[in-house]
All heavy atoms as atom14 arrays in JSON, in Angstrom:
{
  "sequence": "QLREGKNKLMVWMTDEEGTELEEYRFQRTLWIDTAAPEI",
  "atom14_mask": [
    [1, 1, 1, 1, 1, 1, 1, 1, 1, 0, 0, 0, 0, 0],
    [1, 1, 1, 1, 1, 1, 1, 1, 0, 0, 0, 0, 0, 0],
    [1, 1, 1, 1, 1, 1, 1, 1, 1, 1, 1, 0, 0, 0],
    [1, 1, 1, 1, 1, 1, 1, 1, 1, 0, 0, 0, 0, 0],
    [1, 1, 1, 1, 0, 0, 0, 0, 0, 0, 0, 0, 0, 0],
    [1, 1, 1, 1, 1, 1, 1, 1, 1, 0, 0, 0, 0, 0],
    [1, 1, 1, 1, 1, 1, 1, 1, 0, 0, 0, 0, 0, 0],
    [1, 1, 1, 1, 1, 1, 1, 1, 1, 0, 0, 0, 0, 0],
    [1, 1, 1, 1, 1, 1, 1, 1, 0, 0, 0, 0, 0, 0],
    [1, 1, 1, 1, 1, 1, 1, 1, 0, 0, 0, 0, 0, 0],
    [1, 1, 1, 1, 1, 1, 1, 0, 0, 0, 0, 0, 0, 0],
    [1, 1, 1, 1, 1, 1, 1, 1, 1, 1, 1, 1, 1, 1],
    [1, 1, 1, 1, 1, 1, 1, 1, 0, 0, 0, 0, 0, 0],
    [1, 1, 1, 1, 1, 1, 1, 0, 0, 0, 0, 0, 0, 0],
    [1, 1, 1, 1, 1, 1, 1, 1, 0, 0, 0, 0, 0, 0],
    [1, 1, 1, 1, 1, 1, 1, 1, 1, 0, 0, 0, 0, 0],
    [1, 1, 1, 1, 1, 1, 1, 1, 1, 0, 0, 0, 0, 0],
    [1, 1, 1, 1, 0, 0, 0, 0, 0, 0, 0, 0, 0, 0],
    [1, 1, 1, 1, 1, 1, 1, 0, 0, 0, 0, 0, 0, 0],
    [1, 1, 1, 1, 1, 1, 1, 1, 1, 0, 0, 0, 0, 0],
    [1, 1, 1, 1, 1, 1, 1, 1, 0, 0, 0, 0, 0, 0],
    [1, 1, 1, 1, 1, 1, 1, 1, 1, 0, 0, 0, 0, 0],
    [1, 1, 1, 1, 1, 1, 1, 1, 1, 0, 0, 0, 0, 0],
    [1, 1, 1, 1, 1, 1, 1, 1, 1, 1, 1, 1, 0, 0],
    [1, 1, 1, 1, 1, 1, 1, 1, 1, 1, 1, 0, 0, 0],
    [1, 1, 1, 1, 1, 1, 1, 1, 1, 1, 1, 0, 0, 0],
    [1, 1, 1, 1, 1, 1, 1, 1, 1, 0, 0, 0, 0, 0],
    [1, 1, 1, 1, 1, 1, 1, 1, 1, 1, 1, 0, 0, 0],
    [1, 1, 1, 1, 1, 1, 1, 0, 0, 0, 0, 0, 0, 0],
    [1, 1, 1, 1, 1, 1, 1, 1, 0, 0, 0, 0, 0, 0],
    [1, 1, 1, 1, 1, 1, 1, 1, 1, 1, 1, 1, 1, 1],
    [1, 1, 1, 1, 1, 1, 1, 1, 0, 0, 0, 0, 0, 0],
    [1, 1, 1, 1, 1, 1, 1, 1, 0, 0, 0, 0, 0, 0],
    [1, 1, 1, 1, 1, 1, 1, 0, 0, 0, 0, 0, 0, 0],
    [1, 1, 1, 1, 1, 0, 0, 0, 0, 0, 0, 0, 0, 0],
    [1, 1, 1, 1, 1, 0, 0, 0, 0, 0, 0, 0, 0, 0],
    [1, 1, 1, 1, 1, 1, 1, 0, 0, 0, 0, 0, 0, 0],
    [1, 1, 1, 1, 1, 1, 1, 1, 1, 0, 0, 0, 0, 0],
    [1, 1, 1, 1, 1, 1, 1, 1, 0, 0, 0, 0, 0, 0]
  ],
  "atom14_positions": [
    [[-13.23, 2.01, -26.62], [-13.46, 1.44, -27.9], [-13.57, -0.03, -27.96], [-14.26, -0.62, -28.74], [-12.23, 1.86, -28.92], [-12.14, 3.25, -29.16], [-11.41, 4.09, -28.05], [-10.69, 3.54, -27.28], [-11.68, 5.4, -28.04], [0.0, 0.0, 0.0], [0.0, 0.0, 0.0], [0.0, 0.0, 0.0], [0.0, 0.0, 0.0], [0.0, 0.0, 0.0]],
    [[-12.85, -0.76, -27.02], [-12.8, -2.17, -26.96], [-14.04, -2.68, -26.17], [-14.67, -2.07, -25.27], [-11.49, -2.72, -26.29], [-10.29, -2.35, -27.0], [-9.06, -2.5, -26.06], [-10.08, -3.16, -28.24], [0.0, 0.0, 0.0], [0.0, 0.0, 0.0], [0.0, 0.0, 0.0], [0.0, 0.0, 0.0], [0.0, 0.0, 0.0], [0.0, 0.0, 0.0]],
    [[-14.43, -4.08, -26.54], [-15.56, -4.62, -25.82], [-15.26, -6.1, -25.49], [-14.19, -6.62, -25.92], [-16.8, -4.73, -26.77], [-17.33, -3.31, -27.13], [-17.94, -2.48, -26.07], [-18.4, -1.3, -26.49], [-17.77, -0.15, -26.41], [-16.56, -0.12, -25.91], [-18.27, 1.0, -26.82], [0.0, 0.0, 0.0], [0.0, 0.0, 0.0], [0.0, 0.0, 0.0]],
    [[-16.04, -6.65, -24.57], [-15.9, -8.03, -24.21], [-15.82, -8.98, -25.49], [-16.63, -8.62, -26.34], [-17.03, -8.45, -23.29], [-17.03, -7.78, -21.89], [-15.93, -8.4, -21.02], [-15.74, -9.63, -20.88], [-15.3, -7.62, -20.17], [0.0, 0.0, 0.0], [0.0, 0.0, 0.0], [0.0, 0.0, 0.0], [0.0, 0.0, 0.0], [0.0, 0.0, 0.0]],
    [[-15.2, -10.0, -25.37], [-15.16, -10.94, -26.48], [-14.15, -10.7, -27.47], [-13.0, -10.17, -27.2], [0.0, 0.0, 0.0], [0.0, 0.0, 0.0], [0.0, 0.0, 0.0], [0.0, 0.0, 0.0], [0.0, 0.0, 0.0], [0.0, 0.0, 0.0], [0.0, 0.0, 0.0], [0.0, 0.0, 0.0], [0.0, 0.0, 0.0], [0.0, 0.0, 0.0]],
    [[-14.46, -10.83, -28.85], [-13.52, -10.78, -29.95], [-13.39, -9.36, -30.5], [-14.4, -8.74, -30.77], [-14.03, -11.66, -31.06], [-13.05, -11.68, -32.24], [-13.77, -12.72, -33.29], [-12.82, -12.73, -34.54], [-13.44, -13.66, -35.55], [0.0, 0.0, 0.0], [0.0, 0.0, 0.0], [0.0, 0.0, 0.0], [0.0, 0.0, 0.0], [0.0, 0.0, 0.0]],
    [[-12.16, -8.79, -30.5], [-11.91, -7.49, -30.98], [-10.88, -7.59, -32.11], [-9.7, -8.18, -31.81], [-11.33, -6.52, -29.93], [-12.5, -6.21, -28.92], [-13.08, -5.27, -28.95], [-12.56, -7.16, -27.95], [0.0, 0.0, 0.0], [0.0, 0.0, 0.0], [0.0, 0.0, 0.0], [0.0, 0.0, 0.0], [0.0, 0.0, 0.0], [0.0, 0.0, 0.0]],
    [[-11.16, -7.28, -33.31], [-10.19, -7.45, -34.37], [-9.61, -6.06, -34.78], [-10.21, -5.18, -35.15], [-10.97, -7.98, -35.68], [-10.12, -8.38, -36.84], [-10.95, -9.06, -37.9], [-10.14, -9.41, -39.04], [-10.95, -10.07, -40.12], [0.0, 0.0, 0.0], [0.0, 0.0, 0.0], [0.0, 0.0, 0.0], [0.0, 0.0, 0.0], [0.0, 0.0, 0.0]],
    [[-8.23, -6.02, -34.62], [-7.46, -4.86, -34.93], [-6.76, -5.06, -36.19], [-6.03, -6.09, -36.41], [-6.34, -4.58, -33.74], [-5.43, -3.48, -33.95], [-6.19, -2.13, -34.08], [-4.36, -3.48, -32.87], [0.0, 0.0, 0.0], [0.0, 0.0, 0.0], [0.0, 0.0, 0.0], [0.0, 0.0, 0.0], [0.0, 0.0, 0.0], [0.0, 0.0, 0.0]],
    [[-6.71, -4.0, -37.06], [-6.01, -4.03, -38.38], [-5.28, -2.67, -38.5], [-5.92, -1.65, -38.22], [-6.9, -4.26, -39.57], [-7.55, -5.58, -39.56], [-8.98, -5.72, -40.67], [-10.21, -5.14, -39.6], [0.0, 0.0, 0.0], [0.0, 0.0, 0.0], [0.0, 0.0, 0.0], [0.0, 0.0, 0.0], [0.0, 0.0, 0.0], [0.0, 0.0, 0.0]],
    [[-4.04, -2.7, -38.85], [-3.25, -1.45, -39.11], [-2.57, -1.69, -40.45], [-1.94, -2.75, -40.76], [-2.33, -1.12, -37.97], [-1.54, 0.11, -38.28], [-2.96, -1.14, -36.71], [0.0, 0.0, 0.0], [0.0, 0.0, 0.0], [0.0, 0.0, 0.0], [0.0, 0.0, 0.0], [0.0, 0.0, 0.0], [0.0, 0.0, 0.0], [0.0, 0.0, 0.0]],
    [[-2.54, -0.63, -41.27], [-1.86, -0.73, -42.54], [-1.54, 0.63, -43.01], [-1.93, 1.61, -42.38], [-2.79, -1.46, -43.62], [-3.91, -0.69, -44.09], [-3.98, 0.12, -45.2], [-5.27, -0.68, -43.49], [-5.24, 0.6, -45.3], [-6.05, 0.11, -44.26], [-5.81, -1.28, -42.39], [-7.41, 0.35, -43.98], [-7.13, -1.09, -42.03], [-7.99, -0.24, -42.86]],
    [[-0.68, 0.72, -44.1], [-0.3, 2.0, -44.59], [-0.57, 2.13, -46.15], [-0.64, 1.06, -46.78], [1.29, 2.22, -44.34], [1.58, 2.37, -42.93], [3.35, 2.95, -42.64], [3.22, 4.69, -42.99], [0.0, 0.0, 0.0], [0.0, 0.0, 0.0], [0.0, 0.0, 0.0], [0.0, 0.0, 0.0], [0.0, 0.0, 0.0], [0.0, 0.0, 0.0]],
    [[-0.65, 3.41, -46.52], [-0.83, 3.6, -47.92], [0.21, 4.71, -48.28], [0.71, 5.49, -47.51], [-2.23, 4.2, -48.3], [-2.41, 5.34, -47.57], [-3.25, 3.11, -48.11], [0.0, 0.0, 0.0], [0.0, 0.0, 0.0], [0.0, 0.0, 0.0], [0.0, 0.0, 0.0], [0.0, 0.0, 0.0], [0.0, 0.0, 0.0], [0.0, 0.0, 0.0]],
    [[0.75, 4.7, -49.63], [1.68, 5.62, -50.12], [1.04, 6.86, -50.55], [-0.2, 7.06, -50.35], [2.58, 5.02, -51.21], [1.83, 4.59, -52.41], [0.59, 5.04, -52.59], [2.35, 3.92, -53.34], [0.0, 0.0, 0.0], [0.0, 0.0, 0.0], [0.0, 0.0, 0.0], [0.0, 0.0, 0.0], [0.0, 0.0, 0.0], [0.0, 0.0, 0.0]],
    [[1.69, 7.73, -51.2], [1.08, 9.09, -51.46], [0.01, 8.91, -52.53], [-0.89, 9.71, -52.59], [2.25, 9.95, -52.16], [3.29, 10.42, -51.2], [2.86, 11.31, -50.1], [2.08, 12.37, -50.46], [2.95, 11.04, -48.89], [0.0, 0.0, 0.0], [0.0, 0.0, 0.0], [0.0, 0.0, 0.0], [0.0, 0.0, 0.0], [0.0, 0.0, 0.0]],
    [[-0.03, 7.89, -53.37], [-1.0, 7.69, -54.35], [-2.19, 6.91, -53.76], [-3.19, 6.58, -54.49], [-0.5, 6.91, -55.59], [0.41, 7.74, -56.51], [1.8, 7.77, -55.97], [2.26, 6.77, -55.4], [2.43, 8.92, -55.99], [0.0, 0.0, 0.0], [0.0, 0.0, 0.0], [0.0, 0.0, 0.0], [0.0, 0.0, 0.0], [0.0, 0.0, 0.0]],
    [[-2.15, 6.49, -52.53], [-3.27, 5.75, -51.99], [-3.12, 4.22, -52.01], [-4.0, 3.54, -51.75], [0.0, 0.0, 0.0], [0.0, 0.0, 0.0], [0.0, 0.0, 0.0], [0.0, 0.0, 0.0], [0.0, 0.0, 0.0], [0.0, 0.0, 0.0], [0.0, 0.0, 0.0], [0.0, 0.0, 0.0], [0.0, 0.0, 0.0], [0.0, 0.0, 0.0]],
    [[-2.04, 3.76, -52.61], [-1.82, 2.36, -52.78], [-1.37, 1.72, -51.38], [-0.48, 2.15, -50.71], [-0.72, 2.07, -53.79], [-0.97, 2.75, -55.03], [-0.53, 0.56, -54.12], [0.0, 0.0, 0.0], [0.0, 0.0, 0.0], [0.0, 0.0, 0.0], [0.0, 0.0, 0.0], [0.0, 0.0, 0.0], [0.0, 0.0, 0.0], [0.0, 0.0, 0.0]],
    [[-2.1, 0.59, -51.03], [-1.74, -0.02, -49.79], [-0.35, -0.69, -49.91], [-0.04, -1.4, -50.94], [-2.83, -1.19, -49.55], [-2.58, -1.78, -48.25], [-3.65, -2.8, -47.79], [-4.8, -2.75, -48.27], [-3.36, -3.72, -47.01], [0.0, 0.0, 0.0], [0.0, 0.0, 0.0], [0.0, 0.0, 0.0], [0.0, 0.0, 0.0], [0.0, 0.0, 0.0]],
    [[0.37, -0.64, -48.88], [1.74, -1.26, -48.83], [1.55, -2.58, -47.97], [1.49, -2.51, -46.73], [2.74, -0.31, -48.16], [2.87, 1.1, -48.83], [3.65, 2.05, -47.99], [3.44, 1.01, -50.24], [0.0, 0.0, 0.0], [0.0, 0.0, 0.0], [0.0, 0.0, 0.0], [0.0, 0.0, 0.0], [0.0, 0.0, 0.0], [0.0, 0.0, 0.0]],
    [[1.6, -3.7, -48.66], [1.39, -4.95, -48.02], [2.36, -5.28, -46.96], [1.97, -5.82, -45.9], [1.45, -6.08, -49.03], [0.16, -6.19, -49.83], [-1.04, -6.61, -49.04], [-0.89, -7.4, -48.09], [-2.17, -6.03, -49.31], [0.0, 0.0, 0.0], [0.0, 0.0, 0.0], [0.0, 0.0, 0.0], [0.0, 0.0, 0.0], [0.0, 0.0, 0.0]],
    [[3.63, -4.85, -47.08], [4.67, -5.13, -46.11], [4.46, -4.47, -44.7], [5.05, -4.79, -43.73], [6.05, -4.75, -46.58], [6.33, -3.31, -46.88], [5.96, -2.86, -48.29], [5.09, -3.49, -49.01], [6.48, -1.81, -48.75], [0.0, 0.0, 0.0], [0.0, 0.0, 0.0], [0.0, 0.0, 0.0], [0.0, 0.0, 0.0], [0.0, 0.0, 0.0]],
    [[3.53, -3.5, -44.69], [3.23, -2.78, -43.44], [1.87, -3.11, -42.85], [1.25, -2.36, -42.05], [3.27, -1.23, -43.72], [4.71, -0.71, -44.06], [4.82, 0.37, -44.83], [5.78, -1.36, -43.57], [6.06, 0.87, -45.15], [6.99, -0.85, -44.0], [7.18, 0.22, -44.73], [8.37, 0.76, -45.07], [0.0, 0.0, 0.0], [0.0, 0.0, 0.0]],
    [[1.26, -4.33, -43.24], [0.03, -4.77, -42.74], [0.06, -5.53, -41.53], [0.93, -6.36, -41.34], [-0.76, -5.55, -43.8], [-2.09, -6.07, -43.43], [-2.89, -6.6, -44.43], [-3.74, -5.7, -45.11], [-4.93, -5.25, -44.61], [-5.27, -5.65, -43.44], [-5.69, -4.44, -45.31], [0.0, 0.0, 0.0], [0.0, 0.0, 0.0], [0.0, 0.0, 0.0]],
    [[-0.69, -5.15, -40.52], [-0.72, -5.85, -39.22], [-2.16, -6.23, -38.88], [-3.07, -5.35, -39.03], [-0.18, -4.95, -38.08], [-0.34, -5.49, -36.71], [0.61, -6.42, -36.24], [-1.36, -5.13, -36.0], [0.52, -6.92, -35.03], [-1.59, -5.73, -34.69], [-0.58, -6.53, -34.17], [0.0, 0.0, 0.0], [0.0, 0.0, 0.0], [0.0, 0.0, 0.0]],
    [[-2.41, -7.43, -38.42], [-3.8, -7.81, -38.0], [-3.72, -8.77, -36.79], [-2.79, -9.63, -36.84], [-4.42, -8.57, -39.25], [-5.85, -8.89, -38.95], [-6.51, -9.35, -40.26], [-6.25, -8.98, -41.34], [-7.53, -10.27, -40.03], [0.0, 0.0, 0.0], [0.0, 0.0, 0.0], [0.0, 0.0, 0.0], [0.0, 0.0, 0.0], [0.0, 0.0, 0.0]],
    [[-4.6, -8.48, -35.83], [-4.5, -9.31, -34.61], [-5.88, -9.32, -34.01], [-6.61, -8.24, -34.03], [-3.53, -8.73, -33.67], [-3.46, -9.55, -32.37], [-2.12, -9.11, -31.64], [-2.2, -9.72, -30.29], [-1.3, -9.44, -29.41], [-0.47, -8.46, -29.58], [-1.37, -10.02, -28.19], [0.0, 0.0, 0.0], [0.0, 0.0, 0.0], [0.0, 0.0, 0.0]],
    [[-6.3, -10.47, -33.48], [-7.57, -10.62, -32.79], [-7.22, -10.54, -31.24], [-6.42, -11.32, -30.77], [-8.25, -11.86, -33.15], [-8.51, -11.92, -34.57], [-9.52, -12.04, -32.36], [0.0, 0.0, 0.0], [0.0, 0.0, 0.0], [0.0, 0.0, 0.0], [0.0, 0.0, 0.0], [0.0, 0.0, 0.0], [0.0, 0.0, 0.0], [0.0, 0.0, 0.0]],
    [[-7.92, -9.67, -30.63], [-7.69, -9.56, -29.14], [-8.98, -9.99, -28.42], [-10.07, -9.52, -28.7], [-7.58, -8.01, -28.7], [-6.43, -7.19, -29.54], [-6.7, -5.78, -29.46], [-5.09, -7.54, -28.97], [0.0, 0.0, 0.0], [0.0, 0.0, 0.0], [0.0, 0.0, 0.0], [0.0, 0.0, 0.0], [0.0, 0.0, 0.0], [0.0, 0.0, 0.0]],
    [[-8.79, -10.96, -27.54], [-9.91, -11.62, -26.69], [-9.94, -10.97, -25.36], [-8.91, -11.05, -24.77], [-9.79, -13.11, -26.71], [-10.03, -13.77, -28.06], [-9.06, -14.1, -29.04], [-11.2, -14.2, -28.61], [-9.68, -14.7, -30.06], [-10.99, -14.67, -29.87], [-12.55, -14.13, -28.17], [-12.01, -15.22, -30.66], [-13.53, -14.61, -28.98], [-13.27, -15.14, -30.22]],
    [[-11.03, -10.36, -25.09], [-11.17, -9.71, -23.67], [-12.29, -10.32, -22.85], [-13.41, -10.61, -23.39], [-11.42, -8.23, -23.95], [-10.32, -7.56, -24.74], [-11.64, -7.58, -22.6], [-10.55, -6.09, -25.09], [0.0, 0.0, 0.0], [0.0, 0.0, 0.0], [0.0, 0.0, 0.0], [0.0, 0.0, 0.0], [0.0, 0.0, 0.0], [0.0, 0.0, 0.0]],
    [[-11.98, -10.67, -21.57], [-12.9, -11.27, -20.7], [-12.59, -10.65, -19.37], [-11.77, -11.15, -18.62], [-12.77, -12.82, -20.69], [-13.76, -13.46, -19.67], [-14.71, -12.86, -19.36], [-13.39, -14.6, -19.29], [0.0, 0.0, 0.0], [0.0, 0.0, 0.0], [0.0, 0.0, 0.0], [0.0, 0.0, 0.0], [0.0, 0.0, 0.0], [0.0, 0.0, 0.0]],
    [[-13.36, -9.61, -19.04], [-13.18, -8.96, -17.74], [-14.12, -9.4, -16.73], [-13.92, -9.08, -15.49], [-13.24, -7.39, -17.87], [-14.55, -7.04, -18.37], [-12.2, -6.88, -18.82], [0.0, 0.0, 0.0], [0.0, 0.0, 0.0], [0.0, 0.0, 0.0], [0.0, 0.0, 0.0], [0.0, 0.0, 0.0], [0.0, 0.0, 0.0], [0.0, 0.0, 0.0]],
    [[-15.03, -10.17, -17.05], [-16.12, -10.67, -16.17], [-15.83, -11.98, -15.6], [-15.34, -12.92, -16.29], [-17.53, -10.75, -16.85], [0.0, 0.0, 0.0], [0.0, 0.0, 0.0], [0.0, 0.0, 0.0], [0.0, 0.0, 0.0], [0.0, 0.0, 0.0], [0.0, 0.0, 0.0], [0.0, 0.0, 0.0], [0.0, 0.0, 0.0], [0.0, 0.0, 0.0]],
    [[-16.04, -12.15, -14.34], [-15.81, -13.42, -13.64], [-16.88, -14.43, -14.07], [-17.94, -14.12, -14.52], [-15.88, -13.3, -12.11], [0.0, 0.0, 0.0], [0.0, 0.0, 0.0], [0.0, 0.0, 0.0], [0.0, 0.0, 0.0], [0.0, 0.0, 0.0], [0.0, 0.0, 0.0], [0.0, 0.0, 0.0], [0.0, 0.0, 0.0], [0.0, 0.0, 0.0]],
    [[-16.53, -15.71, -14.11], [-17.44, -16.7, -14.44], [-18.58, -16.76, -13.43], [-18.49, -16.44, -12.26], [-16.72, -17.95, -14.53], [-15.46, -17.75, -13.74], [-15.14, -16.36, -13.78], [0.0, 0.0, 0.0], [0.0, 0.0, 0.0], [0.0, 0.0, 0.0], [0.0, 0.0, 0.0], [0.0, 0.0, 0.0], [0.0, 0.0, 0.0], [0.0, 0.0, 0.0]],
    [[-19.79, -17.17, -13.93], [-20.92, -17.43, -13.03], [-20.89, -18.71, -12.36], [-20.86, -19.77, -13.02], [-22.27, -17.27, -13.79], [-23.44, -17.21, -13.05], [-24.69, -17.01, -13.92], [-24.68, -16.01, -14.61], [-25.65, -17.79, -13.7], [0.0, 0.0, 0.0], [0.0, 0.0, 0.0], [0.0, 0.0, 0.0], [0.0, 0.0, 0.0], [0.0, 0.0, 0.0]],
    [[-20.89, -18.79, -11.06], [-20.65, -19.92, -10.23], [-22.05, -20.41, -9.63], [-22.66, -19.57, -9.03], [-19.6, -19.88, -9.25], [-18.21, -19.68, -9.95], [-19.55, -21.16, -8.4], [-17.09, -19.42, -8.97], [0.0, 0.0, 0.0], [0.0, 0.0, 0.0], [0.0, 0.0, 0.0], [0.0, 0.0, 0.0], [0.0, 0.0, 0.0], [0.0, 0.0, 0.0]]
  ]
}
């Protein structure tokens, strides 16, 4: 699922009525660089 460069992950929760619960929101940007630089 992940790719080189910027990957934005978001996780949150909703209650039984579908209302988002702000206190359970998580967001993070994952930077991935598996390729060596070109010399």
